[in-house]
N, C-alpha and C. Protein backbone atom coordinates (compact mmCIF):
# COMPACT_ATOMS: atom_id res chain seq x y z
N MET A 1 6.99 -49.44 65.83
CA MET A 1 6.48 -49.73 67.16
C MET A 1 7.58 -50.33 68.03
N PHE A 2 8.36 -51.23 67.46
CA PHE A 2 9.43 -51.86 68.23
C PHE A 2 10.39 -50.81 68.75
N ARG A 3 10.72 -49.83 67.89
CA ARG A 3 11.62 -48.75 68.32
C ARG A 3 11.04 -47.98 69.50
N GLN A 4 9.75 -47.71 69.42
CA GLN A 4 9.08 -46.98 70.49
C GLN A 4 9.14 -47.76 71.79
N VAL A 5 8.90 -49.05 71.74
CA VAL A 5 8.97 -49.89 72.94
C VAL A 5 10.37 -49.84 73.52
N VAL A 6 11.37 -50.03 72.67
CA VAL A 6 12.76 -50.03 73.13
C VAL A 6 13.12 -48.67 73.73
N ALA A 7 12.71 -47.59 73.07
CA ALA A 7 13.03 -46.25 73.57
C ALA A 7 12.39 -45.99 74.93
N ILE A 8 11.14 -46.35 75.08
CA ILE A 8 10.45 -46.10 76.35
C ILE A 8 11.00 -47.00 77.45
N VAL A 9 11.09 -48.28 77.17
CA VAL A 9 11.59 -49.21 78.18
C VAL A 9 13.04 -48.88 78.52
N GLY A 10 13.82 -48.48 77.52
CA GLY A 10 15.21 -48.13 77.75
C GLY A 10 15.41 -46.89 78.59
N SER A 11 14.38 -46.05 78.66
CA SER A 11 14.50 -44.83 79.46
C SER A 11 14.27 -45.08 80.95
N PHE A 12 13.86 -46.28 81.31
CA PHE A 12 13.63 -46.63 82.71
C PHE A 12 14.70 -47.59 83.19
N SER A 13 14.99 -47.49 84.46
CA SER A 13 15.94 -48.45 85.04
C SER A 13 15.25 -49.81 85.15
N ARG A 14 16.05 -50.83 85.27
CA ARG A 14 15.49 -52.18 85.44
C ARG A 14 14.62 -52.25 86.68
N GLU A 15 15.05 -51.55 87.72
CA GLU A 15 14.29 -51.56 88.98
C GLU A 15 12.91 -50.94 88.77
N LYS A 16 12.85 -49.82 88.03
CA LYS A 16 11.57 -49.16 87.81
C LYS A 16 10.64 -50.06 86.99
N VAL A 17 11.18 -50.70 85.97
CA VAL A 17 10.37 -51.61 85.15
C VAL A 17 9.87 -52.77 86.01
N ALA A 18 10.75 -53.32 86.84
CA ALA A 18 10.36 -54.43 87.71
C ALA A 18 9.27 -54.01 88.69
N VAL A 19 9.39 -52.80 89.24
CA VAL A 19 8.38 -52.29 90.17
C VAL A 19 7.04 -52.12 89.45
N LYS A 20 7.07 -51.61 88.23
CA LYS A 20 5.83 -51.40 87.47
C LYS A 20 5.20 -52.75 87.11
N PHE A 21 6.01 -53.72 86.73
CA PHE A 21 5.49 -55.06 86.44
C PHE A 21 4.83 -55.63 87.68
N GLU A 22 5.45 -55.46 88.82
CA GLU A 22 4.89 -55.97 90.08
C GLU A 22 3.57 -55.27 90.39
N PHE A 23 3.50 -53.97 90.13
CA PHE A 23 2.26 -53.22 90.35
C PHE A 23 1.13 -53.84 89.52
N PHE A 24 1.39 -54.10 88.25
CA PHE A 24 0.35 -54.69 87.40
C PHE A 24 -0.02 -56.09 87.85
N ARG A 25 0.95 -56.86 88.26
CA ARG A 25 0.65 -58.22 88.74
C ARG A 25 -0.22 -58.16 89.99
N ARG A 26 0.05 -57.21 90.86
CA ARG A 26 -0.71 -57.08 92.11
C ARG A 26 -2.12 -56.54 91.87
N THR A 27 -2.23 -55.47 91.10
CA THR A 27 -3.53 -54.81 90.97
C THR A 27 -4.49 -55.52 90.04
N LEU A 28 -3.99 -56.08 88.97
CA LEU A 28 -4.87 -56.74 88.01
C LEU A 28 -4.67 -58.24 87.94
N VAL A 29 -3.82 -58.76 88.80
CA VAL A 29 -3.55 -60.18 88.87
C VAL A 29 -3.10 -60.70 87.49
N PHE A 30 -2.20 -59.95 86.88
CA PHE A 30 -1.62 -60.36 85.61
C PHE A 30 -0.42 -61.23 85.89
N CYS A 31 -0.15 -62.17 85.01
CA CYS A 31 1.12 -62.89 85.09
C CYS A 31 2.14 -62.06 84.30
N GLU A 32 3.40 -62.38 84.45
CA GLU A 32 4.45 -61.58 83.82
C GLU A 32 4.30 -61.53 82.30
N SER A 33 3.90 -62.63 81.70
CA SER A 33 3.75 -62.63 80.23
C SER A 33 2.62 -61.69 79.79
N GLU A 34 1.54 -61.61 80.58
CA GLU A 34 0.45 -60.70 80.25
C GLU A 34 0.90 -59.25 80.38
N VAL A 35 1.67 -58.96 81.42
CA VAL A 35 2.20 -57.60 81.59
C VAL A 35 3.11 -57.27 80.41
N SER A 36 3.93 -58.21 80.01
CA SER A 36 4.84 -57.99 78.87
C SER A 36 4.06 -57.68 77.60
N ILE A 37 2.97 -58.40 77.38
CA ILE A 37 2.14 -58.15 76.19
C ILE A 37 1.53 -56.76 76.27
N ALA A 38 0.99 -56.40 77.43
CA ALA A 38 0.39 -55.08 77.59
C ALA A 38 1.42 -53.98 77.34
N VAL A 39 2.62 -54.14 77.89
CA VAL A 39 3.68 -53.14 77.70
C VAL A 39 4.11 -53.08 76.24
N SER A 40 4.17 -54.21 75.58
CA SER A 40 4.57 -54.20 74.16
C SER A 40 3.52 -53.50 73.30
N LYS A 41 2.25 -53.61 73.68
CA LYS A 41 1.18 -52.94 72.94
C LYS A 41 1.14 -51.45 73.22
N THR A 42 1.34 -51.08 74.48
CA THR A 42 1.24 -49.68 74.90
C THR A 42 2.33 -49.39 75.92
N PRO A 43 3.56 -49.17 75.44
CA PRO A 43 4.67 -48.98 76.37
C PRO A 43 4.55 -47.74 77.25
N GLN A 44 3.71 -46.79 76.85
CA GLN A 44 3.52 -45.57 77.63
C GLN A 44 2.99 -45.85 79.03
N ILE A 45 2.39 -47.01 79.25
CA ILE A 45 1.84 -47.31 80.58
C ILE A 45 2.95 -47.37 81.63
N LEU A 46 4.18 -47.63 81.21
CA LEU A 46 5.28 -47.67 82.18
C LEU A 46 5.56 -46.30 82.77
N GLY A 47 5.24 -45.25 82.04
CA GLY A 47 5.53 -43.90 82.50
C GLY A 47 4.48 -43.30 83.40
N LEU A 48 3.35 -43.97 83.55
CA LEU A 48 2.27 -43.44 84.39
C LEU A 48 2.52 -43.78 85.86
N SER A 49 2.12 -42.88 86.72
CA SER A 49 2.30 -43.14 88.15
C SER A 49 1.35 -44.24 88.61
N ASP A 50 1.73 -44.89 89.68
CA ASP A 50 0.87 -45.95 90.24
C ASP A 50 -0.49 -45.39 90.64
N ALA A 51 -0.50 -44.17 91.19
CA ALA A 51 -1.76 -43.56 91.62
C ALA A 51 -2.69 -43.33 90.43
N THR A 52 -2.13 -42.82 89.34
CA THR A 52 -2.93 -42.58 88.13
C THR A 52 -3.46 -43.89 87.57
N LEU A 53 -2.59 -44.87 87.47
CA LEU A 53 -3.01 -46.18 86.96
C LEU A 53 -4.08 -46.80 87.85
N LEU A 54 -3.90 -46.69 89.15
CA LEU A 54 -4.86 -47.29 90.08
C LEU A 54 -6.24 -46.65 89.93
N ARG A 55 -6.29 -45.32 89.79
CA ARG A 55 -7.58 -44.64 89.60
C ARG A 55 -8.26 -45.12 88.32
N LYS A 56 -7.48 -45.25 87.25
CA LYS A 56 -8.05 -45.71 85.98
C LYS A 56 -8.51 -47.16 86.07
N ILE A 57 -7.70 -47.99 86.66
CA ILE A 57 -8.06 -49.41 86.81
C ILE A 57 -9.31 -49.55 87.66
N GLU A 58 -9.38 -48.83 88.77
CA GLU A 58 -10.57 -48.90 89.63
C GLU A 58 -11.82 -48.45 88.88
N PHE A 59 -11.71 -47.39 88.09
CA PHE A 59 -12.85 -46.94 87.30
C PHE A 59 -13.26 -48.00 86.28
N LEU A 60 -12.29 -48.51 85.54
CA LEU A 60 -12.60 -49.48 84.49
C LEU A 60 -13.21 -50.76 85.05
N VAL A 61 -12.72 -51.21 86.20
CA VAL A 61 -13.23 -52.44 86.80
C VAL A 61 -14.55 -52.19 87.53
N ASN A 62 -14.60 -51.16 88.36
CA ASN A 62 -15.77 -50.95 89.22
C ASN A 62 -16.92 -50.22 88.54
N GLU A 63 -16.63 -49.20 87.75
CA GLU A 63 -17.69 -48.41 87.12
C GLU A 63 -18.05 -48.93 85.73
N ALA A 64 -17.02 -49.23 84.93
CA ALA A 64 -17.27 -49.68 83.56
C ALA A 64 -17.43 -51.19 83.47
N ALA A 65 -17.30 -51.88 84.59
CA ALA A 65 -17.50 -53.33 84.68
C ALA A 65 -16.64 -54.13 83.70
N MET A 66 -15.39 -53.73 83.57
CA MET A 66 -14.45 -54.46 82.71
C MET A 66 -13.68 -55.47 83.53
N GLU A 67 -13.45 -56.61 82.95
CA GLU A 67 -12.63 -57.64 83.59
C GLU A 67 -11.16 -57.26 83.42
N PRO A 68 -10.32 -57.58 84.40
CA PRO A 68 -8.89 -57.30 84.26
C PRO A 68 -8.29 -57.86 82.97
N GLN A 69 -8.71 -59.04 82.56
CA GLN A 69 -8.20 -59.64 81.33
C GLN A 69 -8.53 -58.78 80.11
N TYR A 70 -9.70 -58.17 80.12
CA TYR A 70 -10.12 -57.29 79.03
C TYR A 70 -9.20 -56.08 78.97
N ILE A 71 -8.86 -55.54 80.13
CA ILE A 71 -7.98 -54.37 80.20
C ILE A 71 -6.58 -54.71 79.71
N VAL A 72 -6.05 -55.85 80.12
CA VAL A 72 -4.69 -56.22 79.70
C VAL A 72 -4.62 -56.42 78.19
N GLN A 73 -5.71 -56.82 77.58
CA GLN A 73 -5.73 -56.99 76.13
C GLN A 73 -5.90 -55.66 75.41
N ARG A 74 -6.32 -54.63 76.13
CA ARG A 74 -6.55 -53.30 75.56
C ARG A 74 -5.90 -52.23 76.45
N PRO A 75 -4.58 -52.30 76.62
CA PRO A 75 -3.92 -51.40 77.57
C PRO A 75 -3.95 -49.93 77.16
N ILE A 76 -4.36 -49.65 75.94
CA ILE A 76 -4.48 -48.26 75.53
C ILE A 76 -5.49 -47.53 76.42
N LEU A 77 -6.44 -48.27 76.99
CA LEU A 77 -7.40 -47.66 77.92
C LEU A 77 -6.70 -46.97 79.08
N LEU A 78 -5.55 -47.49 79.47
CA LEU A 78 -4.84 -46.95 80.63
C LEU A 78 -4.10 -45.65 80.35
N ILE A 79 -3.91 -45.31 79.08
CA ILE A 79 -3.22 -44.05 78.79
C ILE A 79 -4.19 -42.95 78.38
N LEU A 80 -5.46 -43.29 78.24
CA LEU A 80 -6.46 -42.27 77.94
C LEU A 80 -6.79 -41.49 79.20
N SER A 81 -7.18 -40.24 79.02
CA SER A 81 -7.52 -39.41 80.17
C SER A 81 -8.79 -39.91 80.85
N LEU A 82 -8.68 -40.14 82.13
CA LEU A 82 -9.84 -40.57 82.91
C LEU A 82 -10.90 -39.47 82.94
N GLU A 83 -10.46 -38.25 83.24
CA GLU A 83 -11.38 -37.14 83.41
C GLU A 83 -11.93 -36.60 82.10
N LYS A 84 -11.13 -36.57 81.06
CA LYS A 84 -11.56 -35.94 79.82
C LYS A 84 -12.12 -36.91 78.78
N ARG A 85 -11.85 -38.19 78.92
CA ARG A 85 -12.33 -39.13 77.91
C ARG A 85 -13.13 -40.29 78.51
N LEU A 86 -12.55 -41.03 79.42
CA LEU A 86 -13.21 -42.26 79.89
C LEU A 86 -14.50 -41.98 80.66
N VAL A 87 -14.43 -41.13 81.67
CA VAL A 87 -15.62 -40.85 82.49
C VAL A 87 -16.72 -40.18 81.67
N PRO A 88 -16.41 -39.11 80.91
CA PRO A 88 -17.49 -38.47 80.14
C PRO A 88 -18.15 -39.41 79.13
N ARG A 89 -17.36 -40.21 78.45
CA ARG A 89 -17.93 -41.09 77.43
C ARG A 89 -18.70 -42.24 78.07
N HIS A 90 -18.25 -42.70 79.21
CA HIS A 90 -18.99 -43.73 79.94
C HIS A 90 -20.34 -43.16 80.37
N HIS A 91 -20.34 -41.92 80.82
CA HIS A 91 -21.58 -41.26 81.25
C HIS A 91 -22.56 -41.17 80.07
N VAL A 92 -22.09 -40.72 78.92
CA VAL A 92 -22.94 -40.62 77.73
C VAL A 92 -23.45 -42.00 77.32
N MET A 93 -22.58 -42.99 77.33
CA MET A 93 -22.98 -44.35 76.96
C MET A 93 -24.11 -44.84 77.86
N LYS A 94 -23.97 -44.64 79.16
CA LYS A 94 -25.00 -45.09 80.10
C LYS A 94 -26.31 -44.34 79.88
N MET A 95 -26.22 -43.03 79.65
CA MET A 95 -27.43 -42.23 79.42
C MET A 95 -28.18 -42.72 78.18
N LEU A 96 -27.44 -42.94 77.11
CA LEU A 96 -28.07 -43.38 75.86
C LEU A 96 -28.63 -44.80 75.99
N GLN A 97 -27.94 -45.66 76.71
CA GLN A 97 -28.45 -47.02 76.92
C GLN A 97 -29.72 -46.99 77.76
N GLU A 98 -29.75 -46.14 78.78
CA GLU A 98 -30.95 -46.04 79.63
C GLU A 98 -32.16 -45.56 78.84
N LYS A 99 -31.93 -44.71 77.83
CA LYS A 99 -33.03 -44.19 77.01
C LYS A 99 -33.35 -45.13 75.85
N GLY A 100 -32.61 -46.23 75.74
CA GLY A 100 -32.85 -47.18 74.66
C GLY A 100 -32.33 -46.71 73.31
N LEU A 101 -31.42 -45.75 73.32
CA LEU A 101 -30.90 -45.19 72.08
C LEU A 101 -29.55 -45.77 71.67
N LEU A 102 -29.04 -46.66 72.48
CA LEU A 102 -27.73 -47.25 72.20
C LEU A 102 -27.80 -48.73 72.53
N ASN A 103 -27.31 -49.53 71.66
CA ASN A 103 -27.28 -50.97 71.85
C ASN A 103 -26.56 -51.29 73.16
N SER A 104 -27.12 -52.18 73.94
CA SER A 104 -26.50 -52.53 75.22
C SER A 104 -25.17 -53.24 75.04
N ASN A 105 -24.88 -53.70 73.82
CA ASN A 105 -23.60 -54.34 73.55
C ASN A 105 -22.49 -53.34 73.26
N MET A 106 -22.83 -52.07 73.08
CA MET A 106 -21.83 -51.04 72.84
C MET A 106 -20.95 -50.95 74.08
N ASN A 107 -19.65 -50.81 73.87
CA ASN A 107 -18.76 -50.78 75.02
C ASN A 107 -17.91 -49.52 75.06
N LEU A 108 -17.40 -49.24 76.23
CA LEU A 108 -16.61 -48.03 76.45
C LEU A 108 -15.35 -48.04 75.60
N PHE A 109 -14.74 -49.18 75.39
CA PHE A 109 -13.52 -49.25 74.59
C PHE A 109 -13.77 -48.67 73.20
N SER A 110 -14.85 -49.06 72.56
CA SER A 110 -15.18 -48.56 71.22
C SER A 110 -15.39 -47.05 71.24
N LEU A 111 -16.09 -46.57 72.24
CA LEU A 111 -16.36 -45.13 72.34
C LEU A 111 -15.09 -44.35 72.65
N ALA A 112 -14.25 -44.90 73.49
CA ALA A 112 -13.04 -44.19 73.93
C ALA A 112 -12.04 -44.01 72.80
N LEU A 113 -12.03 -44.91 71.83
CA LEU A 113 -11.06 -44.82 70.74
C LEU A 113 -11.44 -43.82 69.67
N LEU A 114 -12.69 -43.41 69.63
CA LEU A 114 -13.11 -42.44 68.63
C LEU A 114 -12.50 -41.07 68.92
N GLY A 115 -12.17 -40.36 67.85
CA GLY A 115 -11.72 -38.97 68.00
C GLY A 115 -12.87 -38.13 68.53
N GLU A 116 -12.56 -36.97 69.03
CA GLU A 116 -13.57 -36.11 69.65
C GLU A 116 -14.69 -35.75 68.67
N GLU A 117 -14.34 -35.33 67.46
CA GLU A 117 -15.36 -34.93 66.49
C GLU A 117 -16.24 -36.11 66.08
N ALA A 118 -15.63 -37.25 65.85
CA ALA A 118 -16.41 -38.44 65.47
C ALA A 118 -17.34 -38.85 66.60
N PHE A 119 -16.85 -38.79 67.84
CA PHE A 119 -17.68 -39.16 68.98
C PHE A 119 -18.88 -38.22 69.09
N LYS A 120 -18.61 -36.92 69.02
CA LYS A 120 -19.70 -35.95 69.13
C LYS A 120 -20.71 -36.13 68.01
N SER A 121 -20.23 -36.36 66.81
CA SER A 121 -21.12 -36.53 65.67
C SER A 121 -22.01 -37.77 65.82
N LYS A 122 -21.41 -38.88 66.22
CA LYS A 122 -22.15 -40.15 66.31
C LYS A 122 -23.01 -40.30 67.56
N PHE A 123 -22.58 -39.69 68.66
CA PHE A 123 -23.27 -39.98 69.92
C PHE A 123 -23.87 -38.77 70.63
N ILE A 124 -23.44 -37.58 70.29
CA ILE A 124 -24.00 -36.40 70.93
C ILE A 124 -24.97 -35.71 69.98
N ASP A 125 -24.46 -35.27 68.83
CA ASP A 125 -25.26 -34.49 67.89
C ASP A 125 -26.48 -35.23 67.37
N CYS A 126 -26.34 -36.50 67.06
CA CYS A 126 -27.48 -37.22 66.47
C CYS A 126 -28.54 -37.60 67.51
N HIS A 127 -28.23 -37.46 68.79
CA HIS A 127 -29.21 -37.79 69.84
C HIS A 127 -29.70 -36.56 70.61
N LYS A 128 -29.21 -35.38 70.24
CA LYS A 128 -29.54 -34.20 71.05
C LYS A 128 -31.03 -33.88 71.07
N ASP A 129 -31.76 -34.24 70.02
CA ASP A 129 -33.20 -33.99 70.01
C ASP A 129 -33.96 -34.98 70.88
N PHE A 130 -33.42 -36.18 71.04
CA PHE A 130 -34.08 -37.21 71.85
C PHE A 130 -33.70 -37.13 73.32
N VAL A 131 -32.52 -36.57 73.59
CA VAL A 131 -32.04 -36.44 74.97
C VAL A 131 -31.61 -34.99 75.18
N PRO A 132 -32.57 -34.11 75.48
CA PRO A 132 -32.21 -32.72 75.72
C PRO A 132 -31.20 -32.62 76.87
N GLY A 133 -30.21 -31.80 76.68
CA GLY A 133 -29.20 -31.62 77.72
C GLY A 133 -28.03 -32.57 77.61
N LEU A 134 -28.06 -33.48 76.63
CA LEU A 134 -26.97 -34.45 76.49
C LEU A 134 -25.64 -33.76 76.22
N ALA A 135 -25.64 -32.78 75.32
CA ALA A 135 -24.39 -32.07 75.00
C ALA A 135 -23.87 -31.33 76.22
N ASP A 136 -24.77 -30.72 76.99
CA ASP A 136 -24.34 -30.03 78.21
C ASP A 136 -23.81 -31.00 79.24
N ALA A 137 -24.46 -32.15 79.36
CA ALA A 137 -23.99 -33.16 80.32
C ALA A 137 -22.61 -33.67 79.93
N TYR A 138 -22.38 -33.86 78.63
CA TYR A 138 -21.07 -34.32 78.16
C TYR A 138 -20.02 -33.25 78.42
N ALA A 139 -20.35 -32.00 78.13
CA ALA A 139 -19.40 -30.91 78.37
C ALA A 139 -19.08 -30.80 79.85
N ALA A 140 -20.09 -30.95 80.70
CA ALA A 140 -19.87 -30.88 82.15
C ALA A 140 -19.00 -32.04 82.62
N ALA A 141 -19.28 -33.23 82.14
CA ALA A 141 -18.48 -34.40 82.53
C ALA A 141 -17.05 -34.24 82.04
N SER A 142 -16.87 -33.67 80.85
CA SER A 142 -15.53 -33.45 80.31
C SER A 142 -14.76 -32.40 81.10
N ALA A 143 -15.49 -31.54 81.79
CA ALA A 143 -14.87 -30.52 82.63
C ALA A 143 -14.75 -31.00 84.08
N SER A 144 -14.94 -32.30 84.28
CA SER A 144 -14.84 -32.93 85.60
C SER A 144 -15.92 -32.47 86.56
N ILE A 145 -17.06 -32.06 86.01
CA ILE A 145 -18.21 -31.71 86.83
C ILE A 145 -19.20 -32.86 86.68
N VAL A 146 -19.64 -33.42 87.78
CA VAL A 146 -20.58 -34.53 87.71
C VAL A 146 -21.93 -33.96 87.27
N PRO A 147 -22.36 -34.32 86.04
CA PRO A 147 -23.62 -33.77 85.55
C PRO A 147 -24.82 -34.42 86.24
N SER A 148 -25.89 -33.64 86.31
CA SER A 148 -27.12 -34.20 86.87
C SER A 148 -27.73 -35.13 85.82
N ARG A 149 -28.65 -35.95 86.25
CA ARG A 149 -29.31 -36.88 85.34
C ARG A 149 -30.11 -36.09 84.32
N VAL A 150 -30.03 -36.51 83.06
CA VAL A 150 -30.78 -35.86 81.99
C VAL A 150 -32.03 -36.66 81.74
């Protein structure tokens, strides 16, 4: 992991790293040590554009109701695909919670880390009889189509 951090950070100029640190301090109100911890955990976040990061941060804070501190402790959320993983799984989570089929304590972070097959097996396939159209809604959300309510 240390090699990966050094390789990624080493591929950027000091100015670019400083600009990215400032971006995180501004958008999530992180202090420099928090940004350093996030980068050490997931150095790939340095390579993402500000626009991409901002869209993900806005979704995580506004739609998924995550606190900035929660995100900085789990920076892997910022490298996951917004369109193909975060939004579709958040949609499924909300649908299942509304139907009382998922514990309200279940969080997007746990769902987002699952591989595709494990996620489908645990949250789509086993609930398809109780929530008709769930698989179609997930497929539509994964294709960046806003699914209708099931």
